[in-house]
Each structure stands twice: as structure tokens, then as C-alpha cells.
């Protein structure tokens, strides 16, 4: 489980403009370049999301599957 920090809308836009997203949904995206790989060799990415007018950045990288299964950002 990842932890999240609150970021500004400007930071959100900056992260979106860095690279083409590796994945994108209606609530956020994975930054295009993997941060690392998990024990199964799956790439993991920094996640950035927008919920209720607030913006958040993940402190730990997520796989594409973990990102698609997001239910809660705290």
C-alpha cells in the first residue's frame, strides 16, 4: 500500500507534461518512466491523481495493475 502526499495543481501538470503517461484514467496517471521493478519484474511507476479538487502524488511506485485497482488515496 502506498502513502500519498498532497501536491499543487501546478505539480500535477508538471508531472503530466514530463513524459507520456504509462497509464491514464479519469482520476490520474502513471508517470511514463518506471521508478523500479517489483520482485516479479513488473515495472512500477510514480502515480499522480486528482480527487475532489485536490491533487496527490504516491510516495511508493505502483504497478499498472495496482494503479487500476486503486480504491482509496490517503
C-alpha atoms as a PDB file:
ATOM      1  CA  UNK A   1       0.000   0.000   0.000  1.00  0.00           C
ATOM      2  CA  UNK A   2       1.343   3.380  -0.923  1.00  0.00           C
ATOM      3  CA  UNK A   3       1.143   6.613   1.010  1.00  0.00           C
ATOM      4  CA  UNK A   4       0.180   9.860  -0.671  1.00  0.00           C
ATOM      5  CA  UNK A   5       1.263  13.474  -0.313  1.00  0.00           C
ATOM      6  CA  UNK A   6      -0.822  16.463  -1.321  1.00  0.00           C
ATOM      7  CA  UNK A   7       0.627  18.397  -4.254  1.00  0.00           C
ATOM      8  CA  UNK A   8      -0.376  21.522  -6.169  1.00  0.00           C
ATOM      9  CA  UNK A   9      -2.207  21.577  -9.461  1.00  0.00           C
ATOM     10  CA  UNK A  10       0.998  23.011 -10.964  1.00  0.00           C
ATOM     11  CA  UNK A  11       2.956  19.946  -9.794  1.00  0.00           C
ATOM     12  CA  UNK A  12       0.251  17.677 -11.243  1.00  0.00           C
ATOM     13  CA  UNK A  13       0.534  19.466 -14.620  1.00  0.00           C
ATOM     14  CA  UNK A  14       4.345  19.327 -14.459  1.00  0.00           C
ATOM     15  CA  UNK A  15       4.302  15.567 -13.856  1.00  0.00           C
ATOM     16  CA  UNK A  16       1.779  15.080 -16.674  1.00  0.00           C
ATOM     17  CA  UNK A  17       3.980  17.027 -19.068  1.00  0.00           C
ATOM     18  CA  UNK A  18       7.244  15.206 -18.231  1.00  0.00           C
ATOM     19  CA  UNK A  19       6.695  12.076 -20.285  1.00  0.00           C
ATOM     20  CA  UNK A  20       3.821  10.347 -21.993  1.00  0.00           C
ATOM     21  CA  UNK A  21       1.871   8.606 -19.186  1.00  0.00           C
ATOM     22  CA  UNK A  22       2.386   4.864 -18.822  1.00  0.00           C
ATOM     23  CA  UNK A  23      -1.323   4.601 -17.914  1.00  0.00           C
ATOM     24  CA  UNK A  24      -4.118   7.121 -17.547  1.00  0.00           C
ATOM     25  CA  UNK A  25      -7.591   7.026 -16.029  1.00  0.00           C
ATOM     26  CA  UNK A  26     -10.275   9.593 -15.313  1.00  0.00           C
ATOM     27  CA  UNK A  27      -8.661  10.336 -11.945  1.00  0.00           C
ATOM     28  CA  UNK A  28      -4.935  10.305 -12.688  1.00  0.00           C
ATOM     29  CA  UNK A  29      -1.941   8.743 -14.382  1.00  0.00           C
ATOM     30  CA  UNK A  30       1.323   6.853 -14.005  1.00  0.00           C
ATOM     31  CA  UNK A  31       4.440   8.848 -14.921  1.00  0.00           C
ATOM     32  CA  UNK A  32       5.864   7.331 -18.128  1.00  0.00           C
ATOM     33  CA  UNK A  33       9.253   6.102 -16.898  1.00  0.00           C
ATOM     34  CA  UNK A  34       9.363   3.213 -14.378  1.00  0.00           C
ATOM     35  CA  UNK A  35      10.892   4.008 -10.979  1.00  0.00           C
ATOM     36  CA  UNK A  36      11.897   0.403 -10.426  1.00  0.00           C
ATOM     37  CA  UNK A  37      10.592  -3.164 -10.767  1.00  0.00           C
ATOM     38  CA  UNK A  38       8.911  -5.397  -8.221  1.00  0.00           C
ATOM     39  CA  UNK A  39      10.059  -8.893  -7.228  1.00  0.00           C
ATOM     40  CA  UNK A  40       8.218 -10.363 -10.272  1.00  0.00           C
ATOM     41  CA  UNK A  41       9.977  -7.995 -12.661  1.00  0.00           C
ATOM     42  CA  UNK A  42       6.923  -5.797 -13.244  1.00  0.00           C
ATOM     43  CA  UNK A  43       7.692  -2.104 -13.776  1.00  0.00           C
ATOM     44  CA  UNK A  44       6.481   0.275 -11.056  1.00  0.00           C
ATOM     45  CA  UNK A  45       5.690   3.942 -11.633  1.00  0.00           C
ATOM     46  CA  UNK A  46       5.075   7.146  -9.664  1.00  0.00           C
ATOM     47  CA  UNK A  47       1.303   7.755  -9.565  1.00  0.00           C
ATOM     48  CA  UNK A  48      -0.399  11.160  -9.615  1.00  0.00           C
ATOM     49  CA  UNK A  49      -4.144  11.561  -9.024  1.00  0.00           C
ATOM     50  CA  UNK A  50      -6.824  14.221  -8.687  1.00  0.00           C
ATOM     51  CA  UNK A  51      -9.722  13.616  -6.310  1.00  0.00           C
ATOM     52  CA  UNK A  52     -12.312  16.120  -5.159  1.00  0.00           C
ATOM     53  CA  UNK A  53     -10.331  19.090  -6.434  1.00  0.00           C
ATOM     54  CA  UNK A  54      -7.166  18.006  -4.598  1.00  0.00           C
ATOM     55  CA  UNK A  55      -4.003  16.567  -6.134  1.00  0.00           C
ATOM     56  CA  UNK A  56      -1.862  13.728  -4.752  1.00  0.00           C
ATOM     57  CA  UNK A  57       1.437  12.009  -5.582  1.00  0.00           C
ATOM     58  CA  UNK A  58       2.326   8.484  -4.497  1.00  0.00           C
ATOM     59  CA  UNK A  59       5.337   8.042  -2.241  1.00  0.00           C
ATOM     60  CA  UNK A  60       5.884   4.450  -3.376  1.00  0.00           C
ATOM     61  CA  UNK A  61       5.698   3.371  -7.003  1.00  0.00           C
ATOM     62  CA  UNK A  62       2.772   1.283  -8.278  1.00  0.00           C
ATOM     63  CA  UNK A  63       2.434  -1.363 -10.987  1.00  0.00           C
ATOM     64  CA  UNK A  64      -0.140  -0.803 -13.719  1.00  0.00           C
ATOM     65  CA  UNK A  65      -2.395  -3.377 -12.041  1.00  0.00           C
ATOM     66  CA  UNK A  66      -2.123  -1.721  -8.611  1.00  0.00           C
ATOM     67  CA  UNK A  67      -2.970   1.624 -10.203  1.00  0.00           C
ATOM     68  CA  UNK A  68      -6.016   0.217 -12.000  1.00  0.00           C
ATOM     69  CA  UNK A  69      -7.246  -1.264  -8.696  1.00  0.00           C
ATOM     70  CA  UNK A  70      -6.921   1.969  -6.672  1.00  0.00           C
ATOM     71  CA  UNK A  71      -9.867   2.488  -4.359  1.00  0.00           C
ATOM     72  CA  UNK A  72      -8.580   4.893  -1.742  1.00  0.00           C
ATOM     73  CA  UNK A  73      -5.995   7.668  -1.564  1.00  0.00           C
ATOM     74  CA  UNK A  74      -4.972   8.659   1.966  1.00  0.00           C
END
